[in-house]
Structures are given as C-alpha cells and as structure tokens.
C-alpha atoms as a PDB file:
ATOM      1  CA  UNK A   1      63.430 148.856 127.952  1.00  0.00           C
ATOM      2  CA  UNK A   2      60.680 146.994 126.559  1.00  0.00           C
ATOM      3  CA  UNK A   3      60.919 144.035 124.882  1.00  0.00           C
ATOM      4  CA  UNK A   4      60.592 144.304 120.947  1.00  0.00           C
ATOM      5  CA  UNK A   5      57.353 143.188 119.630  1.00  0.00           C
ATOM      6  CA  UNK A   6      57.881 140.283 117.431  1.00  0.00           C
ATOM      7  CA  UNK A   7      55.894 138.610 113.635  1.00  0.00           C
ATOM      8  CA  UNK A   8      55.046 136.055 116.575  1.00  0.00           C
ATOM      9  CA  UNK A   9      53.681 138.202 119.099  1.00  0.00           C
ATOM     10  CA  UNK A  10      51.785 140.171 116.415  1.00  0.00           C
ATOM     11  CA  UNK A  11      50.486 136.639 115.425  1.00  0.00           C
ATOM     12  CA  UNK A  12      49.340 135.470 119.069  1.00  0.00           C
ATOM     13  CA  UNK A  13      47.893 138.625 119.881  1.00  0.00           C
ATOM     14  CA  UNK A  14      45.547 138.187 117.065  1.00  0.00           C
ATOM     15  CA  UNK A  15      45.087 134.235 117.154  1.00  0.00           C
ATOM     16  CA  UNK A  16      46.631 133.888 113.270  1.00  0.00           C
ATOM     17  CA  UNK A  17      49.541 132.361 112.053  1.00  0.00           C
ATOM     18  CA  UNK A  18      53.061 134.257 111.540  1.00  0.00           C
ATOM     19  CA  UNK A  19      52.855 133.951 108.379  1.00  0.00           C
ATOM     20  CA  UNK A  20      49.655 135.355 107.768  1.00  0.00           C
ATOM     21  CA  UNK A  21      51.500 138.512 109.692  1.00  0.00           C
ATOM     22  CA  UNK A  22      54.284 138.378 107.637  1.00  0.00           C
ATOM     23  CA  UNK A  23      52.099 138.200 104.312  1.00  0.00           C
ATOM     24  CA  UNK A  24      49.578 141.046 105.858  1.00  0.00           C
ATOM     25  CA  UNK A  25      52.860 143.465 106.100  1.00  0.00           C
ATOM     26  CA  UNK A  26      54.253 142.455 102.728  1.00  0.00           C
ATOM     27  CA  UNK A  27      51.001 143.048 101.474  1.00  0.00           C
ATOM     28  CA  UNK A  28      50.936 139.962  99.575  1.00  0.00           C
ATOM     29  CA  UNK A  29      47.489 139.198  97.361  1.00  0.00           C
ATOM     30  CA  UNK A  30      46.453 136.198  99.023  1.00  0.00           C
ATOM     31  CA  UNK A  31      45.626 137.832 102.059  1.00  0.00           C
ATOM     32  CA  UNK A  32      42.080 139.770 102.459  1.00  0.00           C
ATOM     33  CA  UNK A  33      42.356 143.538 102.732  1.00  0.00           C
ATOM     34  CA  UNK A  34      40.108 143.417 106.204  1.00  0.00           C
ATOM     35  CA  UNK A  35      42.810 140.888 107.489  1.00  0.00           C
ATOM     36  CA  UNK A  36      45.404 143.435 106.693  1.00  0.00           C
ATOM     37  CA  UNK A  37      44.122 146.118 107.677  1.00  0.00           C
ATOM     38  CA  UNK A  38      43.491 144.414 111.041  1.00  0.00           C
ATOM     39  CA  UNK A  39      47.318 143.301 111.596  1.00  0.00           C
ATOM     40  CA  UNK A  40      48.542 146.582 110.019  1.00  0.00           C
ATOM     41  CA  UNK A  41      46.164 148.539 112.813  1.00  0.00           C
ATOM     42  CA  UNK A  42      47.711 146.131 115.610  1.00  0.00           C
ATOM     43  CA  UNK A  43      51.222 146.493 114.383  1.00  0.00           C
ATOM     44  CA  UNK A  44      51.193 150.165 114.627  1.00  0.00           C
ATOM     45  CA  UNK A  45      49.250 149.937 118.332  1.00  0.00           C
ATOM     46  CA  UNK A  46      51.730 147.728 119.714  1.00  0.00           C
ATOM     47  CA  UNK A  47      55.056 149.753 118.000  1.00  0.00           C
ATOM     48  CA  UNK A  48      56.136 146.796 115.853  1.00  0.00           C
ATOM     49  CA  UNK A  49      59.130 147.472 113.332  1.00  0.00           C
ATOM     50  CA  UNK A  50      59.957 145.737 110.424  1.00  0.00           C
ATOM     51  CA  UNK A  51      63.740 143.771 110.320  1.00  0.00           C
ATOM     52  CA  UNK A  52      64.665 145.262 106.787  1.00  0.00           C
ATOM     53  CA  UNK A  53      67.901 142.855 106.959  1.00  0.00           C
ATOM     54  CA  UNK A  54      65.758 140.249 107.815  1.00  0.00           C
ATOM     55  CA  UNK A  55      63.382 141.105 104.995  1.00  0.00           C
ATOM     56  CA  UNK A  56      66.197 140.647 102.892  1.00  0.00           C
ATOM     57  CA  UNK A  57      66.945 137.592 103.565  1.00  0.00           C
ATOM     58  CA  UNK A  58      64.974 135.095 101.092  1.00  0.00           C
ATOM     59  CA  UNK A  59      66.628 137.439  97.925  1.00  0.00           C
ATOM     60  CA  UNK A  60      70.613 137.430  99.565  1.00  0.00           C
ATOM     61  CA  UNK A  61      70.172 141.534  99.596  1.00  0.00           C
ATOM     62  CA  UNK A  62      70.806 143.850 102.731  1.00  0.00           C
ATOM     63  CA  UNK A  63      69.993 146.827 100.439  1.00  0.00           C
ATOM     64  CA  UNK A  64      73.042 148.297 102.396  1.00  0.00           C
ATOM     65  CA  UNK A  65      76.413 149.531 100.967  1.00  0.00           C
ATOM     66  CA  UNK A  66      79.328 149.744 102.947  1.00  0.00           C
ATOM     67  CA  UNK A  67      81.780 152.809 102.891  1.00  0.00           C
ATOM     68  CA  UNK A  68      85.468 152.958 104.193  1.00  0.00           C
ATOM     69  CA  UNK A  69      86.840 156.465 103.981  1.00  0.00           C
ATOM     70  CA  UNK A  70      90.240 157.182 105.537  1.00  0.00           C
ATOM     71  CA  UNK A  71      88.866 160.327 107.973  1.00  0.00           C
ATOM     72  CA  UNK A  72      85.347 161.571 108.188  1.00  0.00           C
ATOM     73  CA  UNK A  73      86.487 165.156 109.347  1.00  0.00           C
ATOM     74  CA  UNK A  74      88.006 165.719 105.746  1.00  0.00           C
ATOM     75  CA  UNK A  75      86.258 168.247 103.732  1.00  0.00           C
ATOM     76  CA  UNK A  76      86.281 166.263 100.739  1.00  0.00           C
ATOM     77  CA  UNK A  77      85.375 162.941 102.138  1.00  0.00           C
ATOM     78  CA  UNK A  78      82.432 164.350 103.283  1.00  0.00           C
ATOM     79  CA  UNK A  79      81.570 166.015  99.780  1.00  0.00           C
ATOM     80  CA  UNK A  80      81.999 162.540  98.488  1.00  0.00           C
ATOM     81  CA  UNK A  81      79.517 161.070 101.203  1.00  0.00           C
ATOM     82  CA  UNK A  82      77.114 163.430 100.619  1.00  0.00           C
ATOM     83  CA  UNK A  83      77.497 162.276  96.383  1.00  0.00           C
ATOM     84  CA  UNK A  84      76.691 158.715  97.370  1.00  0.00           C
ATOM     85  CA  UNK A  85      74.101 159.370 100.079  1.00  0.00           C
ATOM     86  CA  UNK A  86      72.069 161.375  97.826  1.00  0.00           C
ATOM     87  CA  UNK A  87      72.281 158.845  95.317  1.00  0.00           C
ATOM     88  CA  UNK A  88      72.008 155.604  97.629  1.00  0.00           C
ATOM     89  CA  UNK A  89      68.879 156.924  99.411  1.00  0.00           C
ATOM     90  CA  UNK A  90      66.675 157.785  96.602  1.00  0.00           C
ATOM     91  CA  UNK A  91      66.828 154.265  95.233  1.00  0.00           C
ATOM     92  CA  UNK A  92      66.350 152.652  99.206  1.00  0.00           C
ATOM     93  CA  UNK A  93      69.936 151.809  99.856  1.00  0.00           C
ATOM     94  CA  UNK A  94      71.150 152.713 103.066  1.00  0.00           C
ATOM     95  CA  UNK A  95      75.195 153.424 103.942  1.00  0.00           C
ATOM     96  CA  UNK A  96      77.109 152.060 106.606  1.00  0.00           C
ATOM     97  CA  UNK A  97      80.045 154.059 107.058  1.00  0.00           C
ATOM     98  CA  UNK A  98      83.248 153.983 109.143  1.00  0.00           C
ATOM     99  CA  UNK A  99      87.010 155.396 109.056  1.00  0.00           C
ATOM    100  CA  UNK A 100      90.337 153.742 109.139  1.00  0.00           C
ATOM    101  CA  UNK A 101      91.942 156.555 110.861  1.00  0.00           C
ATOM    102  CA  UNK A 102      94.577 156.054 108.350  1.00  0.00           C
ATOM    103  CA  UNK A 103      95.399 152.627 109.618  1.00  0.00           C
ATOM    104  CA  UNK A 104      95.565 149.681 107.865  1.00  0.00           C
ATOM    105  CA  UNK A 105      94.593 147.411 110.704  1.00  0.00           C
ATOM    106  CA  UNK A 106      91.855 149.480 111.355  1.00  0.00           C
ATOM    107  CA  UNK A 107      90.640 149.278 107.675  1.00  0.00           C
ATOM    108  CA  UNK A 108      91.152 145.139 107.733  1.00  0.00           C
ATOM    109  CA  UNK A 109      88.840 145.329 111.144  1.00  0.00           C
ATOM    110  CA  UNK A 110      86.251 147.989 109.174  1.00  0.00           C
ATOM    111  CA  UNK A 111      86.280 145.477 106.085  1.00  0.00           C
ATOM    112  CA  UNK A 112      85.148 142.356 108.397  1.00  0.00           C
ATOM    113  CA  UNK A 113      82.889 144.289 110.196  1.00  0.00           C
ATOM    114  CA  UNK A 114      80.908 145.217 106.940  1.00  0.00           C
ATOM    115  CA  UNK A 115      81.084 141.994 106.118  1.00  0.00           C
ATOM    116  CA  UNK A 116      79.885 140.382 108.315  1.00  0.00           C
ATOM    117  CA  UNK A 117      76.869 142.684 108.679  1.00  0.00           C
ATOM    118  CA  UNK A 118      75.809 141.500 104.966  1.00  0.00           C
ATOM    119  CA  UNK A 119      76.490 144.505 102.821  1.00  0.00           C
ATOM    120  CA  UNK A 120      75.744 144.352  99.367  1.00  0.00           C
ATOM    121  CA  UNK A 121      78.819 146.030  97.784  1.00  0.00           C
ATOM    122  CA  UNK A 122      82.070 147.927  99.603  1.00  0.00           C
ATOM    123  CA  UNK A 123      83.146 151.626  98.322  1.00  0.00           C
ATOM    124  CA  UNK A 124      86.846 151.955  99.587  1.00  0.00           C
ATOM    125  CA  UNK A 125      89.738 155.023  99.778  1.00  0.00           C
ATOM    126  CA  UNK A 126      92.326 153.149 101.346  1.00  0.00           C
ATOM    127  CA  UNK A 127      94.500 154.671 104.269  1.00  0.00           C
ATOM    128  CA  UNK A 128      97.490 155.677 104.279  1.00  0.00           C
ATOM    129  CA  UNK A 129      99.650 153.065 105.407  1.00  0.00           C
ATOM    130  CA  UNK A 130      97.611 149.899 103.685  1.00  0.00           C
ATOM    131  CA  UNK A 131      99.984 147.617 101.684  1.00  0.00           C
ATOM    132  CA  UNK A 132      98.733 144.314 102.250  1.00  0.00           C
ATOM    133  CA  UNK A 133      95.107 143.527 100.095  1.00  0.00           C
ATOM    134  CA  UNK A 134      94.005 140.435 101.503  1.00  0.00           C
ATOM    135  CA  UNK A 135      91.516 141.578 103.995  1.00  0.00           C
ATOM    136  CA  UNK A 136      89.352 142.566 100.022  1.00  0.00           C
ATOM    137  CA  UNK A 137      89.779 138.620  98.926  1.00  0.00           C
ATOM    138  CA  UNK A 138      86.486 137.700 101.369  1.00  0.00           C
ATOM    139  CA  UNK A 139      84.755 140.648  98.982  1.00  0.00           C
ATOM    140  CA  UNK A 140      85.990 139.018  95.345  1.00  0.00           C
ATOM    141  CA  UNK A 141      85.162 135.225  96.644  1.00  0.00           C
ATOM    142  CA  UNK A 142      81.934 136.371  97.463  1.00  0.00           C
ATOM    143  CA  UNK A 143      81.118 138.472  94.409  1.00  0.00           C
ATOM    144  CA  UNK A 144      80.692 141.229  96.464  1.00  0.00           C
ATOM    145  CA  UNK A 145      81.321 144.412  94.355  1.00  0.00           C
ATOM    146  CA  UNK A 146      84.669 146.301  95.237  1.00  0.00           C
ATOM    147  CA  UNK A 147      84.605 149.924  93.943  1.00  0.00           C
ATOM    148  CA  UNK A 148      87.858 151.976  95.111  1.00  0.00           C
ATOM    149  CA  UNK A 149      88.218 155.805  94.703  1.00  0.00           C
ATOM    150  CA  UNK A 150      90.586 158.896  95.293  1.00  0.00           C
ATOM    151  CA  UNK A 151      92.835 156.282  97.101  1.00  0.00           C
ATOM    152  CA  UNK A 152      92.838 153.524  95.055  1.00  0.00           C
ATOM    153  CA  UNK A 153      95.044 150.284  94.245  1.00  0.00           C
ATOM    154  CA  UNK A 154      94.840 148.113  90.798  1.00  0.00           C
ATOM    155  CA  UNK A 155      93.036 144.507  91.677  1.00  0.00           C
ATOM    156  CA  UNK A 156      91.304 142.610  89.431  1.00  0.00           C
ATOM    157  CA  UNK A 157      87.800 143.216  88.569  1.00  0.00           C
ATOM    158  CA  UNK A 158      87.611 146.220  91.133  1.00  0.00           C
ATOM    159  CA  UNK A 159      86.811 149.418  89.337  1.00  0.00           C
ATOM    160  CA  UNK A 160      88.681 152.858  90.888  1.00  0.00           C
ATOM    161  CA  UNK A 161      87.303 156.327  90.153  1.00  0.00           C
ATOM    162  CA  UNK A 162      89.798 159.448  90.918  1.00  0.00           C
ATOM    163  CA  UNK A 163      90.979 162.342  88.633  1.00  0.00           C
ATOM    164  CA  UNK A 164      94.277 162.281  86.261  1.00  0.00           C
ATOM    165  CA  UNK A 165      96.221 163.157  89.172  1.00  0.00           C
ATOM    166  CA  UNK A 166      99.684 163.231  86.873  1.00  0.00           C
ATOM    167  CA  UNK A 167      98.181 165.838  85.099  1.00  0.00           C
ATOM    168  CA  UNK A 168      97.178 167.736  87.428  1.00  0.00           C
ATOM    169  CA  UNK A 169     100.264 167.693  89.430  1.00  0.00           C
ATOM    170  CA  UNK A 170     101.875 168.802  86.115  1.00  0.00           C
ATOM    171  CA  UNK A 171      99.567 171.866  85.840  1.00  0.00           C
ATOM    172  CA  UNK A 172      99.971 173.322  89.232  1.00  0.00           C
ATOM    173  CA  UNK A 173     103.935 172.689  88.747  1.00  0.00           C
ATOM    174  CA  UNK A 174     103.646 174.524  85.217  1.00  0.00           C
ATOM    175  CA  UNK A 175     101.781 177.553  86.826  1.00  0.00           C
ATOM    176  CA  UNK A 176     104.495 178.144  89.592  1.00  0.00           C
ATOM    177  CA  UNK A 177     107.208 177.926  86.294  1.00  0.00           C
ATOM    178  CA  UNK A 178     105.523 180.407  84.392  1.00  0.00           C
ATOM    179  CA  UNK A 179     105.419 183.143  87.568  1.00  0.00           C
ATOM    180  CA  UNK A 180     108.894 182.662  87.941  1.00  0.00           C
ATOM    181  CA  UNK A 181     109.755 179.634  90.316  1.00  0.00           C
ATOM    182  CA  UNK A 182     113.344 177.993  89.638  1.00  0.00           C
ATOM    183  CA  UNK A 183     113.775 175.932  92.536  1.00  0.00           C
ATOM    184  CA  UNK A 184     110.263 174.120  93.749  1.00  0.00           C
ATOM    185  CA  UNK A 185     109.348 171.933  97.017  1.00  0.00           C
ATOM    186  CA  UNK A 186     106.606 169.364  96.458  1.00  0.00           C
ATOM    187  CA  UNK A 187     105.122 168.301  99.605  1.00  0.00           C
ATOM    188  CA  UNK A 188     103.813 165.055  99.013  1.00  0.00           C
ATOM    189  CA  UNK A 189     101.520 162.582 101.046  1.00  0.00           C
ATOM    190  CA  UNK A 190     103.037 158.751 101.117  1.00  0.00           C
ATOM    191  CA  UNK A 191     104.080 158.038  97.580  1.00  0.00           C
ATOM    192  CA  UNK A 192     102.810 153.999  98.503  1.00  0.00           C
ATOM    193  CA  UNK A 193      99.488 155.520  97.365  1.00  0.00           C
ATOM    194  CA  UNK A 194      98.729 155.636  93.595  1.00  0.00           C
ATOM    195  CA  UNK A 195      97.605 159.478  93.821  1.00  0.00           C
ATOM    196  CA  UNK A 196     100.619 161.258  95.369  1.00  0.00           C
ATOM    197  CA  UNK A 197     102.888 159.627  93.647  1.00  0.00           C
ATOM    198  CA  UNK A 198     100.752 160.456  90.386  1.00  0.00           C
ATOM    199  CA  UNK A 199     100.999 164.186  91.429  1.00  0.00           C
ATOM    200  CA  UNK A 200     104.866 163.911  92.229  1.00  0.00           C
ATOM    201  CA  UNK A 201     105.121 162.444  88.502  1.00  0.00           C
ATOM    202  CA  UNK A 202     103.467 165.436  87.200  1.00  0.00           C
ATOM    203  CA  UNK A 203     105.694 167.736  89.197  1.00  0.00           C
ATOM    204  CA  UNK A 204     108.968 166.189  87.473  1.00  0.00           C
ATOM    205  CA  UNK A 205     107.575 166.033  83.990  1.00  0.00           C
ATOM    206  CA  UNK A 206     107.276 169.809  84.427  1.00  0.00           C
ATOM    207  CA  UNK A 207     110.245 170.608  86.421  1.00  0.00           C
ATOM    208  CA  UNK A 208     111.898 168.376  83.093  1.00  0.00           C
ATOM    209  CA  UNK A 209     110.376 169.858  80.286  1.00  0.00           C
ATOM    210  CA  UNK A 210     111.633 173.914  81.768  1.00  0.00           C
ATOM    211  CA  UNK A 211     115.079 172.219  82.291  1.00  0.00           C
ATOM    212  CA  UNK A 212     114.952 172.587  85.950  1.00  0.00           C
ATOM    213  CA  UNK A 213     117.222 170.446  87.724  1.00  0.00           C
ATOM    214  CA  UNK A 214     115.370 167.731  89.915  1.00  0.00           C
ATOM    215  CA  UNK A 215     117.121 165.837  93.320  1.00  0.00           C
ATOM    216  CA  UNK A 216     115.912 164.691  96.182  1.00  0.00           C
ATOM    217  CA  UNK A 217     115.851 168.247  98.080  1.00  0.00           C
ATOM    218  CA  UNK A 218     112.315 169.325  95.625  1.00  0.00           C
ATOM    219  CA  UNK A 219     110.659 166.374  97.459  1.00  0.00           C
ATOM    220  CA  UNK A 220     109.473 166.704 101.147  1.00  0.00           C
ATOM    221  CA  UNK A 221     107.243 163.198 102.092  1.00  0.00           C
ATOM    222  CA  UNK A 222     104.881 164.099 104.850  1.00  0.00           C
ATOM    223  CA  UNK A 223     101.610 162.681 106.565  1.00  0.00           C
ATOM    224  CA  UNK A 224     100.465 166.061 105.744  1.00  0.00           C
ATOM    225  CA  UNK A 225      98.678 166.292 109.120  1.00  0.00           C
ATOM    226  CA  UNK A 226      98.984 169.887 110.005  1.00  0.00           C
ATOM    227  CA  UNK A 227      99.965 168.826 113.478  1.00  0.00           C
ATOM    228  CA  UNK A 228     103.208 167.926 112.050  1.00  0.00           C
ATOM    229  CA  UNK A 229     103.125 171.520 109.787  1.00  0.00           C
ATOM    230  CA  UNK A 230     106.591 172.185 111.876  1.00  0.00           C
ATOM    231  CA  UNK A 231     108.756 169.897 109.743  1.00  0.00           C
ATOM    232  CA  UNK A 232     107.843 171.509 106.444  1.00  0.00           C
ATOM    233  CA  UNK A 233     108.402 174.919 107.933  1.00  0.00           C
ATOM    234  CA  UNK A 234     111.871 173.596 109.283  1.00  0.00           C
ATOM    235  CA  UNK A 235     112.725 172.586 105.725  1.00  0.00           C
ATOM    236  CA  UNK A 236     111.948 175.637 103.558  1.00  0.00           C
ATOM    237  CA  UNK A 237     113.864 177.871 106.354  1.00  0.00           C
ATOM    238  CA  UNK A 238     117.019 175.392 106.418  1.00  0.00           C
ATOM    239  CA  UNK A 239     117.198 174.978 102.318  1.00  0.00           C
ATOM    240  CA  UNK A 240     120.582 175.752 101.198  1.00  0.00           C
ATOM    241  CA  UNK A 241     118.784 177.266  97.969  1.00  0.00           C
ATOM    242  CA  UNK A 242     115.887 179.217  98.726  1.00  0.00           C
ATOM    243  CA  UNK A 243     112.773 177.645  98.128  1.00  0.00           C
ATOM    244  CA  UNK A 244     110.671 180.378  95.494  1.00  0.00           C
ATOM    245  CA  UNK A 245     107.667 177.967  94.559  1.00  0.00           C
ATOM    246  CA  UNK A 246     106.147 175.322  96.636  1.00  0.00           C
ATOM    247  CA  UNK A 247     103.192 172.556  95.251  1.00  0.00           C
ATOM    248  CA  UNK A 248     101.262 171.251  98.328  1.00  0.00           C
ATOM    249  CA  UNK A 249      99.438 167.882  97.878  1.00  0.00           C
ATOM    250  CA  UNK A 250      96.951 169.085 100.654  1.00  0.00           C
ATOM    251  CA  UNK A 251      94.976 172.707 100.713  1.00  0.00           C
ATOM    252  CA  UNK A 252      94.791 172.160 104.479  1.00  0.00           C
ATOM    253  CA  UNK A 253      98.369 171.601 105.172  1.00  0.00           C
ATOM    254  CA  UNK A 254      99.051 174.347 102.470  1.00  0.00           C
ATOM    255  CA  UNK A 255      97.228 177.043 104.024  1.00  0.00           C
ATOM    256  CA  UNK A 256      98.351 175.885 107.424  1.00  0.00           C
ATOM    257  CA  UNK A 257     102.282 176.384 105.396  1.00  0.00           C
ATOM    258  CA  UNK A 258     101.157 179.729 104.595  1.00  0.00           C
ATOM    259  CA  UNK A 259     100.105 180.829 107.690  1.00  0.00           C
ATOM    260  CA  UNK A 260     103.426 179.443 109.459  1.00  0.00           C
ATOM    261  CA  UNK A 261     105.153 180.569 106.613  1.00  0.00           C
ATOM    262  CA  UNK A 262     104.056 184.465 107.014  1.00  0.00           C
ATOM    263  CA  UNK A 263     105.007 184.457 111.117  1.00  0.00           C
ATOM    264  CA  UNK A 264     108.998 183.394 110.440  1.00  0.00           C
ATOM    265  CA  UNK A 265     109.094 186.546 108.019  1.00  0.00           C
ATOM    266  CA  UNK A 266     108.009 184.878 104.799  1.00  0.00           C
ATOM    267  CA  UNK A 267     105.848 187.192 102.228  1.00  0.00           C
ATOM    268  CA  UNK A 268     103.066 184.833  99.919  1.00  0.00           C
ATOM    269  CA  UNK A 269     103.307 185.382  97.087  1.00  0.00           C
ATOM    270  CA  UNK A 270     106.739 187.577  96.909  1.00  0.00           C
ATOM    271  CA  UNK A 271     109.284 184.749  98.124  1.00  0.00           C
ATOM    272  CA  UNK A 272     107.518 182.032  97.937  1.00  0.00           C
ATOM    273  CA  UNK A 273     104.366 180.768  95.661  1.00  0.00           C
ATOM    274  CA  UNK A 274     101.983 178.361  96.252  1.00  0.00           C
ATOM    275  CA  UNK A 275      99.759 176.296  95.170  1.00  0.00           C
ATOM    276  CA  UNK A 276      97.512 173.549  97.222  1.00  0.00           C
ATOM    277  CA  UNK A 277      95.236 170.692  96.374  1.00  0.00           C
ATOM    278  CA  UNK A 278      91.111 170.136  96.485  1.00  0.00           C
ATOM    279  CA  UNK A 279      90.369 173.297  96.492  1.00  0.00           C
ATOM    280  CA  UNK A 280      88.506 172.920  99.953  1.00  0.00           C
ATOM    281  CA  UNK A 281      86.979 176.150 101.547  1.00  0.00           C
ATOM    282  CA  UNK A 282      90.077 176.895 103.141  1.00  0.00           C
ATOM    283  CA  UNK A 283      91.892 178.002 100.132  1.00  0.00           C
ATOM    284  CA  UNK A 284      89.238 180.693 100.086  1.00  0.00           C
ATOM    285  CA  UNK A 285      89.155 181.763 103.782  1.00  0.00           C
ATOM    286  CA  UNK A 286      93.364 181.929 104.100  1.00  0.00           C
ATOM    287  CA  UNK A 287      94.889 184.932 103.278  1.00  0.00           C
ATOM    288  CA  UNK A 288      96.080 185.186 100.683  1.00  0.00           C
ATOM    289  CA  UNK A 289      93.668 183.052  99.125  1.00  0.00           C
ATOM    290  CA  UNK A 290      95.182 179.793  97.986  1.00  0.00           C
ATOM    291  CA  UNK A 291      95.624 178.512  94.173  1.00  0.00           C
ATOM    292  CA  UNK A 292      95.000 175.022  93.811  1.00  0.00           C
ATOM    293  CA  UNK A 293      93.165 172.060  91.793  1.00  0.00           C
ATOM    294  CA  UNK A 294      89.902 171.464  92.054  1.00  0.00           C
ATOM    295  CA  UNK A 295      89.299 167.828  92.709  1.00  0.00           C
ATOM    296  CA  UNK A 296      85.152 167.589  92.186  1.00  0.00           C
ATOM    297  CA  UNK A 297      84.225 165.219  95.341  1.00  0.00           C
ATOM    298  CA  UNK A 298      80.522 165.636  95.262  1.00  0.00           C
ATOM    299  CA  UNK A 299      80.499 164.771  91.487  1.00  0.00           C
ATOM    300  CA  UNK A 300      83.024 161.502  92.415  1.00  0.00           C
ATOM    301  CA  UNK A 301      80.481 160.810  95.112  1.00  0.00           C
ATOM    302  CA  UNK A 302      77.853 160.592  92.819  1.00  0.00           C
ATOM    303  CA  UNK A 303      79.263 158.858  90.324  1.00  0.00           C
ATOM    304  CA  UNK A 304      80.575 155.733  92.478  1.00  0.00           C
ATOM    305  CA  UNK A 305      77.213 155.877  93.716  1.00  0.00           C
ATOM    306  CA  UNK A 306      75.186 155.806  90.472  1.00  0.00           C
ATOM    307  CA  UNK A 307      77.900 152.812  89.430  1.00  0.00           C
ATOM    308  CA  UNK A 308      77.741 150.374  92.084  1.00  0.00           C
ATOM    309  CA  UNK A 309      74.094 150.765  92.423  1.00  0.00           C
ATOM    310  CA  UNK A 310      73.737 150.192  88.794  1.00  0.00           C
ATOM    311  CA  UNK A 311      75.580 147.295  89.158  1.00  0.00           C
ATOM    312  CA  UNK A 312      73.688 145.694  91.441  1.00  0.00           C
ATOM    313  CA  UNK A 313      70.923 146.075  89.871  1.00  0.00           C
ATOM    314  CA  UNK A 314      72.474 144.208  86.601  1.00  0.00           C
ATOM    315  CA  UNK A 315      72.176 147.690  84.535  1.00  0.00           C
ATOM    316  CA  UNK A 316      76.158 147.894  83.709  1.00  0.00           C
ATOM    317  CA  UNK A 317      79.113 145.377  85.067  1.00  0.00           C
ATOM    318  CA  UNK A 318      81.554 147.095  86.764  1.00  0.00           C
ATOM    319  CA  UNK A 319      83.977 144.179  86.456  1.00  0.00           C
ATOM    320  CA  UNK A 320      84.645 145.221  82.523  1.00  0.00           C
ATOM    321  CA  UNK A 321      85.608 148.729  83.999  1.00  0.00           C
ATOM    322  CA  UNK A 322      89.198 149.573  84.646  1.00  0.00           C
ATOM    323  CA  UNK A 323      89.467 153.642  86.130  1.00  0.00           C
ATOM    324  CA  UNK A 324      86.820 156.158  85.260  1.00  0.00           C
ATOM    325  CA  UNK A 325      88.548 159.473  85.200  1.00  0.00           C
ATOM    326  CA  UNK A 326      86.679 163.009  86.683  1.00  0.00           C
ATOM    327  CA  UNK A 327      87.832 166.526  85.133  1.00  0.00           C
ATOM    328  CA  UNK A 328      89.960 168.520  87.691  1.00  0.00           C
ATOM    329  CA  UNK A 329      90.610 172.178  87.159  1.00  0.00           C
ATOM    330  CA  UNK A 330      93.677 174.589  88.099  1.00  0.00           C
ATOM    331  CA  UNK A 331      92.010 177.325  89.891  1.00  0.00           C
ATOM    332  CA  UNK A 332      94.607 180.805  90.001  1.00  0.00           C
ATOM    333  CA  UNK A 333      94.248 182.926  93.008  1.00  0.00           C
ATOM    334  CA  UNK A 334      96.708 185.247  95.061  1.00  0.00           C
ATOM    335  CA  UNK A 335      99.005 183.121  96.874  1.00  0.00           C
ATOM    336  CA  UNK A 336     100.795 181.619  93.617  1.00  0.00           C
ATOM    337  CA  UNK A 337     100.407 185.119  90.964  1.00  0.00           C
ATOM    338  CA  UNK A 338     103.564 187.547  90.562  1.00  0.00           C
ATOM    339  CA  UNK A 339     102.393 190.759  92.032  1.00  0.00           C
ATOM    340  CA  UNK A 340     103.047 194.271  90.319  1.00  0.00           C
ATOM    341  CA  UNK A 341     106.113 196.134  91.396  1.00  0.00           C
END
C-alpha cells in the first residue's frame, strides 16, 4: 500500500514551506495565482487528498453529524435517514450512522465512538432497552447538541421530534370499535419507550370512551420482532374470550400476524380486524391490505436535519425547543373494514 502524501511531502517536492502549500490549497489571497496553480497541479499529480477533519480543527468543526438508530433494516428508519442525509449533504455536512441493535450497551459504545470522532451534533432514536442516559452527559457538558427522534426521552435542553402517538393510538382503536370490535388486543413494543406507552394510552382512552372493559388481557407487550410472532398467535388462539380487533404498534409485526393467523384458520377481517402502524410498504403487499397509521419518516428526517443544522449555524436555538410534533394519518384498508354480507 502506497504512503499517503502529506502537505510536508508537497512542500519538499516543490521547495516551499508547508504553510505556503496549505494556503495555496485553501485559496488564500496572500499566495500568487502562479504559485497556487503550481502547487495544485503537483497535488493532483501525486494524488494528495485533503483531510477535512484536520482542516476544520482551527474552528472546532468537523462538519459531521452522528446518528444512532435502533436498526438499519427498518423501512421507517431508512426513510428518516434519507431525509436527514438529503438536508445535511446539501449544506456540506456528512453523516456517521450507527445502529444500537436494540442494545443499551451498544448504544453507549456508539455514543462514545461518535463523540471521540468529533461530531458536531448527535441525532438519536433510543434502543428498546435503554434505561440509563448517562452516556449523553458528555455531549451536554461539551455543549454538543442532542436531538431525539421517534423513540425519545425528556432530557434538559434536548429537543424531540415525533408524532402524537397517544392521538394516533386513539384513532386506530376508535376505528376498530366503529367497525364492530368489542374485545380488542393491543400488541405493543416495550412500554418503557414513550412512543409505545403513549399508543397504549390512546388505546385505553378509546376503550373507556366507548364503555368497553379494560383488563391486563387487552395488552400484549412484545419486542415486535417477527421472529417471535408465535407468542402473539398463541395468545390470540388461547384467549378465553374471542379477540375480534387487533391494534399492533408495527406494520411488520401486524403483517406477520395476518399471515400466521390465516394459516391457523382465522379470516381477516371477518374474524379479526387489524390495524398496524407506520404505513410501511408491507402494508400494501399483505393480503388483505393492512389498515395503518401513516408516520411521515422522510419528513421527520428532513425536519431533524434542518433543525440541527440551523442550530449549528446559529439560525435557531434548539435548546429553547421542547417537542416538535408531526402530523399522522389513519389509512383505512381491507384488514379492518366491515365486509358486506
């Protein structure tokens, strides 16, 4: 492997000072055009590449933003990342993206690695089991801005971006009740995460509003991993009272529920009506098509990117912002609609 060419190598080749090389490559007005051209031609000839991190040391900026997400194989997360990247790249920022794999320990390691890499800001969606938030203290102590999205936590001076999950849970459940469902099951993610707790609050609100009894049997808390779908199927099959409505906190898990329930003889929506969450592509592929809550991931990514960059550029002060809410929408499809006789 060939040795990387440095400014000092160029200076020796051209018999000039390293400072002259540096100023020429940065188009400094104190250097003549003739000298600049000579140095740039030699730099291109020997394959010199600028070290952006080193170039930004003087102003303490790396022009990079760290992002930590639970999993990269999620369609929803990929749309958020696409939105962030579009905004960041447009103004000369790069992203360093890592995944926690739903592990608090991995999240801590990633946060430290990104801090050591000199990121200017951190955008994060929390891992499923994160309960200790001390790994973010080094960011707040150094005044490196933090922004939480989707899976959020309320920390001082750290804004959050999400939808009104409680209202969304309420609307999904109210729709199922309007379709004739009277014994509903909510399949949730980890209720330690605010978004899942809020969706469950909305679910309970709709049941209470319609004088439907709520017991612990109306909730199944899971990791929402389709590999563990059998737990949900067994729960539904073994319920002492027939479950006729299913509100699932994930489209992917809901689609797998439909598929596996059909295998064991359930008809959707005749026996059980189903509503998912996120409006992932799978919702239109599964048969019957899945009713769902549209969660605008791409818009969330755009807003997260614009907000953090505006803060870094001094246009706004994110620390004075608490929560930014995006609009959601209930999309009704075949999996939850009353079928004609």
